Amino acid sequence: MLIAIVGPCGSGKTVLADGLQQHDYNARQIAQEHSFVQDMWQVLTKPDILIYLDASYETCTTRKRFNWRQDEYERQLQRLSNARKHCDIYLQTDDLSPEQVLREILVHIQGISS
């Protein structure tokens, strides 16, 4: 099973992909937020499960120590709109630790796979 993870920069994609791989899942983060091709996530992976991690502008800039503007963040959300529309799992990560995100996603994946 191939799992693709998308979301704005700082939403937790890399940490989640690493955690899923440690649980023997074939997980890959997709930098859809930087692509002008709306379905790049699908072109690159054709995933069995698409996960959309979301986080607010404030959370993303704090986590990554980005010096970017609100309009740059909103452009990422626009580029991610197709993936968000088609995701199998959506999770808002603002108030979650990386461990909590992983636990939540594992529960959702197990629900989908059974």
N, C-alpha and C. Protein backbone atom coordinates (compact mmCIF):
# COMPACT_ATOMS: atom_id res chain seq x y z
N MET A 1 0.85 -1.17 0.00
CA MET A 1 0.00 0.00 0.00
C MET A 1 0.90 1.24 0.00
N LEU A 2 0.62 2.16 -0.90
CA LEU A 2 1.38 3.40 -1.01
C LEU A 2 0.58 4.54 -0.39
N ILE A 3 1.22 5.27 0.51
CA ILE A 3 0.59 6.39 1.20
C ILE A 3 1.31 7.67 0.79
N ALA A 4 0.57 8.65 0.31
CA ALA A 4 1.13 9.96 -0.03
C ALA A 4 0.64 10.97 1.00
N ILE A 5 1.54 11.87 1.37
CA ILE A 5 1.22 12.89 2.38
C ILE A 5 1.45 14.26 1.77
N VAL A 6 0.44 15.11 1.86
CA VAL A 6 0.54 16.48 1.37
C VAL A 6 0.11 17.44 2.47
N GLY A 7 0.45 18.71 2.28
CA GLY A 7 0.06 19.75 3.22
C GLY A 7 1.00 20.92 3.08
N PRO A 8 0.65 22.04 3.70
CA PRO A 8 1.54 23.19 3.62
C PRO A 8 2.86 22.93 4.34
N CYS A 9 3.89 23.70 3.99
CA CYS A 9 5.18 23.60 4.66
C CYS A 9 4.98 23.82 6.15
N GLY A 10 5.49 22.90 6.94
CA GLY A 10 5.39 23.03 8.38
C GLY A 10 4.22 22.30 8.99
N SER A 11 3.45 21.58 8.18
CA SER A 11 2.28 20.87 8.70
C SER A 11 2.64 19.52 9.33
N GLY A 12 3.84 19.00 9.05
CA GLY A 12 4.28 17.74 9.66
C GLY A 12 4.46 16.58 8.70
N LYS A 13 4.55 16.86 7.42
CA LYS A 13 4.64 15.79 6.42
C LYS A 13 5.87 14.90 6.60
N THR A 14 7.02 15.49 6.75
CA THR A 14 8.27 14.73 6.85
C THR A 14 8.28 13.85 8.09
N VAL A 15 7.90 14.42 9.21
CA VAL A 15 7.88 13.67 10.47
C VAL A 15 6.89 12.51 10.38
N LEU A 16 5.71 12.77 9.79
CA LEU A 16 4.73 11.70 9.65
C LEU A 16 5.23 10.60 8.72
N ALA A 17 5.81 10.97 7.59
CA ALA A 17 6.33 9.96 6.66
C ALA A 17 7.37 9.09 7.35
N ASP A 18 8.26 9.71 8.11
CA ASP A 18 9.28 8.94 8.84
C ASP A 18 8.62 7.99 9.85
N GLY A 19 7.63 8.48 10.58
CA GLY A 19 6.94 7.65 11.56
C GLY A 19 6.21 6.48 10.92
N LEU A 20 5.54 6.74 9.80
CA LEU A 20 4.83 5.65 9.11
C LEU A 20 5.81 4.62 8.57
N GLN A 21 6.94 5.07 8.07
CA GLN A 21 7.95 4.14 7.57
C GLN A 21 8.49 3.26 8.70
N GLN A 22 8.61 3.82 9.90
CA GLN A 22 9.05 3.02 11.04
C GLN A 22 8.01 1.96 11.42
N HIS A 23 6.77 2.15 10.98
CA HIS A 23 5.71 1.15 11.20
C HIS A 23 5.51 0.30 9.94
N ASP A 24 6.51 0.29 9.07
CA ASP A 24 6.53 -0.54 7.86
C ASP A 24 5.49 -0.15 6.81
N TYR A 25 5.10 1.11 6.78
CA TYR A 25 4.23 1.61 5.72
C TYR A 25 5.08 2.28 4.65
N ASN A 26 4.68 2.11 3.41
CA ASN A 26 5.34 2.77 2.29
C ASN A 26 4.72 4.16 2.17
N ALA A 27 5.33 5.13 2.86
CA ALA A 27 4.78 6.49 2.92
C ALA A 27 5.76 7.46 2.28
N ARG A 28 5.19 8.43 1.58
CA ARG A 28 6.01 9.41 0.87
C ARG A 28 5.36 10.78 0.98
N GLN A 29 6.15 11.77 1.32
CA GLN A 29 5.63 13.14 1.31
C GLN A 29 5.73 13.68 -0.11
N ILE A 30 4.74 14.44 -0.50
CA ILE A 30 4.69 15.04 -1.83
C ILE A 30 4.68 16.56 -1.65
N ALA A 31 5.57 17.25 -2.31
CA ALA A 31 5.65 18.71 -2.20
C ALA A 31 4.64 19.38 -3.12
N GLN A 32 3.39 18.97 -3.01
CA GLN A 32 2.31 19.52 -3.84
C GLN A 32 2.17 21.03 -3.63
N GLU A 33 2.50 21.52 -2.45
CA GLU A 33 2.33 22.94 -2.16
C GLU A 33 3.24 23.82 -3.01
N HIS A 34 4.24 23.22 -3.68
CA HIS A 34 5.15 23.98 -4.53
C HIS A 34 4.88 23.77 -6.01
N SER A 35 3.92 22.95 -6.35
CA SER A 35 3.66 22.60 -7.74
C SER A 35 2.45 23.35 -8.30
N PHE A 36 2.59 23.81 -9.52
CA PHE A 36 1.47 24.44 -10.21
C PHE A 36 0.59 23.40 -10.90
N VAL A 37 1.03 22.13 -10.91
CA VAL A 37 0.23 21.04 -11.46
C VAL A 37 -0.69 20.56 -10.34
N GLN A 38 -1.98 20.84 -10.47
CA GLN A 38 -2.94 20.60 -9.39
C GLN A 38 -2.97 19.16 -8.87
N ASP A 39 -2.73 18.20 -9.74
CA ASP A 39 -2.79 16.80 -9.31
C ASP A 39 -1.41 16.13 -9.32
N MET A 40 -0.36 16.92 -9.05
CA MET A 40 0.99 16.37 -9.02
C MET A 40 1.10 15.20 -8.04
N TRP A 41 0.37 15.26 -6.95
CA TRP A 41 0.37 14.16 -5.97
C TRP A 41 -0.02 12.85 -6.63
N GLN A 42 -0.96 12.91 -7.56
CA GLN A 42 -1.43 11.72 -8.24
C GLN A 42 -0.49 11.31 -9.37
N VAL A 43 0.06 12.29 -10.07
CA VAL A 43 0.99 12.02 -11.16
C VAL A 43 2.24 11.32 -10.62
N LEU A 44 2.73 11.79 -9.48
CA LEU A 44 3.97 11.23 -8.92
C LEU A 44 3.78 9.88 -8.25
N THR A 45 2.63 9.65 -7.62
CA THR A 45 2.53 8.45 -6.79
C THR A 45 1.37 7.51 -7.06
N LYS A 46 0.25 8.01 -7.50
CA LYS A 46 -0.97 7.20 -7.60
C LYS A 46 -1.17 6.43 -6.29
N PRO A 47 -1.33 7.16 -5.18
CA PRO A 47 -1.37 6.51 -3.86
C PRO A 47 -2.66 5.74 -3.62
N ASP A 48 -2.55 4.76 -2.75
CA ASP A 48 -3.73 4.04 -2.27
C ASP A 48 -4.45 4.88 -1.22
N ILE A 49 -3.67 5.64 -0.45
CA ILE A 49 -4.23 6.53 0.56
C ILE A 49 -3.55 7.89 0.44
N LEU A 50 -4.35 8.94 0.38
CA LEU A 50 -3.82 10.31 0.35
C LEU A 50 -4.15 10.98 1.68
N ILE A 51 -3.11 11.43 2.38
CA ILE A 51 -3.27 12.11 3.66
C ILE A 51 -3.00 13.59 3.45
N TYR A 52 -3.90 14.42 3.96
CA TYR A 52 -3.71 15.87 3.93
C TYR A 52 -3.53 16.35 5.37
N LEU A 53 -2.31 16.83 5.66
CA LEU A 53 -2.05 17.44 6.96
C LEU A 53 -2.21 18.94 6.81
N ASP A 54 -2.95 19.54 7.70
CA ASP A 54 -3.20 20.97 7.63
C ASP A 54 -2.65 21.64 8.88
N ALA A 55 -2.26 22.88 8.75
CA ALA A 55 -1.82 23.68 9.89
C ALA A 55 -1.99 25.14 9.52
N SER A 56 -2.26 25.96 10.50
CA SER A 56 -2.48 27.38 10.27
C SER A 56 -1.17 28.08 9.87
N TYR A 57 -1.32 29.25 9.33
CA TYR A 57 -0.18 30.09 8.97
C TYR A 57 0.73 30.29 10.19
N GLU A 58 0.14 30.61 11.32
CA GLU A 58 0.92 30.86 12.54
C GLU A 58 1.69 29.62 12.96
N THR A 59 1.05 28.47 12.93
CA THR A 59 1.72 27.22 13.32
C THR A 59 2.85 26.88 12.36
N CYS A 60 2.59 26.98 11.08
CA CYS A 60 3.62 26.65 10.08
C CYS A 60 4.84 27.55 10.21
N THR A 61 4.62 28.84 10.37
CA THR A 61 5.76 29.75 10.47
C THR A 61 6.52 29.54 11.77
N THR A 62 5.84 29.17 12.84
CA THR A 62 6.51 28.91 14.12
C THR A 62 7.32 27.62 14.04
N ARG A 63 6.74 26.57 13.50
CA ARG A 63 7.42 25.27 13.44
C ARG A 63 8.69 25.34 12.59
N LYS A 64 8.61 26.01 11.46
CA LYS A 64 9.73 26.03 10.52
C LYS A 64 10.58 27.30 10.61
N ARG A 65 10.16 28.22 11.47
CA ARG A 65 10.84 29.52 11.58
C ARG A 65 10.94 30.21 10.22
N PHE A 66 9.83 30.12 9.48
CA PHE A 66 9.76 30.75 8.17
C PHE A 66 9.57 32.25 8.31
N ASN A 67 10.14 32.96 7.39
CA ASN A 67 9.91 34.39 7.30
C ASN A 67 9.14 34.64 6.00
N TRP A 68 7.92 34.17 5.97
CA TRP A 68 7.11 34.31 4.77
C TRP A 68 5.84 35.07 5.11
N ARG A 69 5.19 35.51 4.06
CA ARG A 69 3.98 36.31 4.21
C ARG A 69 2.73 35.42 4.13
N GLN A 70 1.65 35.97 4.66
CA GLN A 70 0.36 35.27 4.65
C GLN A 70 -0.04 34.90 3.22
N ASP A 71 0.19 35.78 2.24
CA ASP A 71 -0.21 35.50 0.86
C ASP A 71 0.59 34.33 0.28
N GLU A 72 1.83 34.13 0.71
CA GLU A 72 2.62 32.98 0.25
C GLU A 72 2.03 31.68 0.80
N TYR A 73 1.62 31.71 2.05
CA TYR A 73 0.96 30.56 2.67
C TYR A 73 -0.35 30.26 1.94
N GLU A 74 -1.13 31.27 1.67
CA GLU A 74 -2.41 31.08 0.98
C GLU A 74 -2.21 30.54 -0.43
N ARG A 75 -1.12 30.91 -1.08
CA ARG A 75 -0.81 30.34 -2.40
C ARG A 75 -0.56 28.84 -2.28
N GLN A 76 0.10 28.43 -1.20
CA GLN A 76 0.30 26.99 -0.98
C GLN A 76 -1.04 26.28 -0.83
N LEU A 77 -1.93 26.87 -0.05
CA LEU A 77 -3.25 26.25 0.14
C LEU A 77 -3.99 26.13 -1.19
N GLN A 78 -3.86 27.14 -2.03
CA GLN A 78 -4.50 27.08 -3.34
C GLN A 78 -3.93 25.94 -4.17
N ARG A 79 -2.62 25.77 -4.15
CA ARG A 79 -1.98 24.68 -4.90
C ARG A 79 -2.36 23.32 -4.33
N LEU A 80 -2.75 23.29 -3.07
CA LEU A 80 -3.12 22.04 -2.41
C LEU A 80 -4.62 21.73 -2.50
N SER A 81 -5.40 22.61 -3.10
CA SER A 81 -6.86 22.47 -3.07
C SER A 81 -7.34 21.16 -3.71
N ASN A 82 -6.73 20.74 -4.79
CA ASN A 82 -7.13 19.49 -5.44
C ASN A 82 -6.85 18.30 -4.53
N ALA A 83 -5.70 18.29 -3.89
CA ALA A 83 -5.35 17.19 -2.98
C ALA A 83 -6.29 17.18 -1.78
N ARG A 84 -6.61 18.35 -1.26
CA ARG A 84 -7.52 18.39 -0.10
C ARG A 84 -8.89 17.85 -0.49
N LYS A 85 -9.33 18.20 -1.68
CA LYS A 85 -10.64 17.73 -2.16
C LYS A 85 -10.67 16.21 -2.30
N HIS A 86 -9.54 15.60 -2.64
CA HIS A 86 -9.50 14.16 -2.91
C HIS A 86 -8.86 13.33 -1.80
N CYS A 87 -8.49 13.93 -0.70
CA CYS A 87 -7.77 13.16 0.33
C CYS A 87 -8.69 12.13 1.00
N ASP A 88 -8.06 11.06 1.43
CA ASP A 88 -8.76 10.02 2.17
C ASP A 88 -8.77 10.33 3.67
N ILE A 89 -7.72 10.99 4.13
CA ILE A 89 -7.59 11.35 5.54
C ILE A 89 -7.18 12.82 5.62
N TYR A 90 -7.91 13.58 6.41
CA TYR A 90 -7.59 14.99 6.65
C TYR A 90 -7.34 15.16 8.15
N LEU A 91 -6.25 15.84 8.49
CA LEU A 91 -5.96 16.06 9.90
C LEU A 91 -5.38 17.46 10.12
N GLN A 92 -6.00 18.20 11.00
CA GLN A 92 -5.50 19.51 11.43
C GLN A 92 -4.47 19.25 12.52
N THR A 93 -3.25 19.73 12.33
CA THR A 93 -2.15 19.38 13.24
C THR A 93 -1.74 20.48 14.21
N ASP A 94 -2.41 21.62 14.17
CA ASP A 94 -2.00 22.76 15.00
C ASP A 94 -1.76 22.40 16.46
N ASP A 95 -2.68 21.71 17.07
CA ASP A 95 -2.61 21.44 18.50
C ASP A 95 -2.13 20.02 18.84
N LEU A 96 -1.49 19.37 17.87
CA LEU A 96 -1.05 17.98 18.08
C LEU A 96 0.47 17.89 18.05
N SER A 97 1.00 17.03 18.88
CA SER A 97 2.44 16.72 18.84
C SER A 97 2.67 15.76 17.67
N PRO A 98 3.91 15.60 17.23
CA PRO A 98 4.19 14.63 16.17
C PRO A 98 3.72 13.22 16.54
N GLU A 99 3.85 12.84 17.80
CA GLU A 99 3.41 11.51 18.24
C GLU A 99 1.90 11.38 18.15
N GLN A 100 1.18 12.43 18.50
CA GLN A 100 -0.29 12.41 18.41
C GLN A 100 -0.73 12.33 16.95
N VAL A 101 -0.05 13.05 16.07
CA VAL A 101 -0.38 12.99 14.64
C VAL A 101 -0.20 11.56 14.14
N LEU A 102 0.91 10.95 14.46
CA LEU A 102 1.17 9.58 14.02
C LEU A 102 0.10 8.63 14.55
N ARG A 103 -0.24 8.74 15.83
CA ARG A 103 -1.28 7.85 16.39
C ARG A 103 -2.61 8.03 15.68
N GLU A 104 -3.01 9.28 15.46
CA GLU A 104 -4.29 9.55 14.78
C GLU A 104 -4.29 8.95 13.37
N ILE A 105 -3.21 9.16 12.66
CA ILE A 105 -3.14 8.66 11.28
C ILE A 105 -3.12 7.13 11.25
N LEU A 106 -2.41 6.50 12.17
CA LEU A 106 -2.40 5.03 12.21
C LEU A 106 -3.80 4.48 12.44
N VAL A 107 -4.57 5.12 13.31
CA VAL A 107 -5.96 4.68 13.54
C VAL A 107 -6.77 4.81 12.25
N HIS A 108 -6.62 5.92 11.55
CA HIS A 108 -7.37 6.12 10.30
C HIS A 108 -6.96 5.10 9.23
N ILE A 109 -5.65 4.87 9.11
CA ILE A 109 -5.18 3.90 8.10
C ILE A 109 -5.71 2.50 8.40
N GLN A 110 -5.68 2.12 9.65
CA GLN A 110 -6.19 0.81 10.02
C GLN A 110 -7.68 0.68 9.73
N GLY A 111 -8.41 1.78 9.92
CA GLY A 111 -9.84 1.79 9.61
C GLY A 111 -10.11 1.65 8.12
N ILE A 112 -9.26 2.27 7.32
CA ILE A 112 -9.41 2.20 5.85
C ILE A 112 -9.03 0.81 5.35
N SER A 113 -7.96 0.24 5.93
CA SER A 113 -7.45 -1.04 5.45
C SER A 113 -8.29 -2.24 5.87
N SER A 114 -9.13 -2.08 6.90
CA SER A 114 -9.86 -3.27 7.35
C SER A 114 -11.19 -3.42 6.67
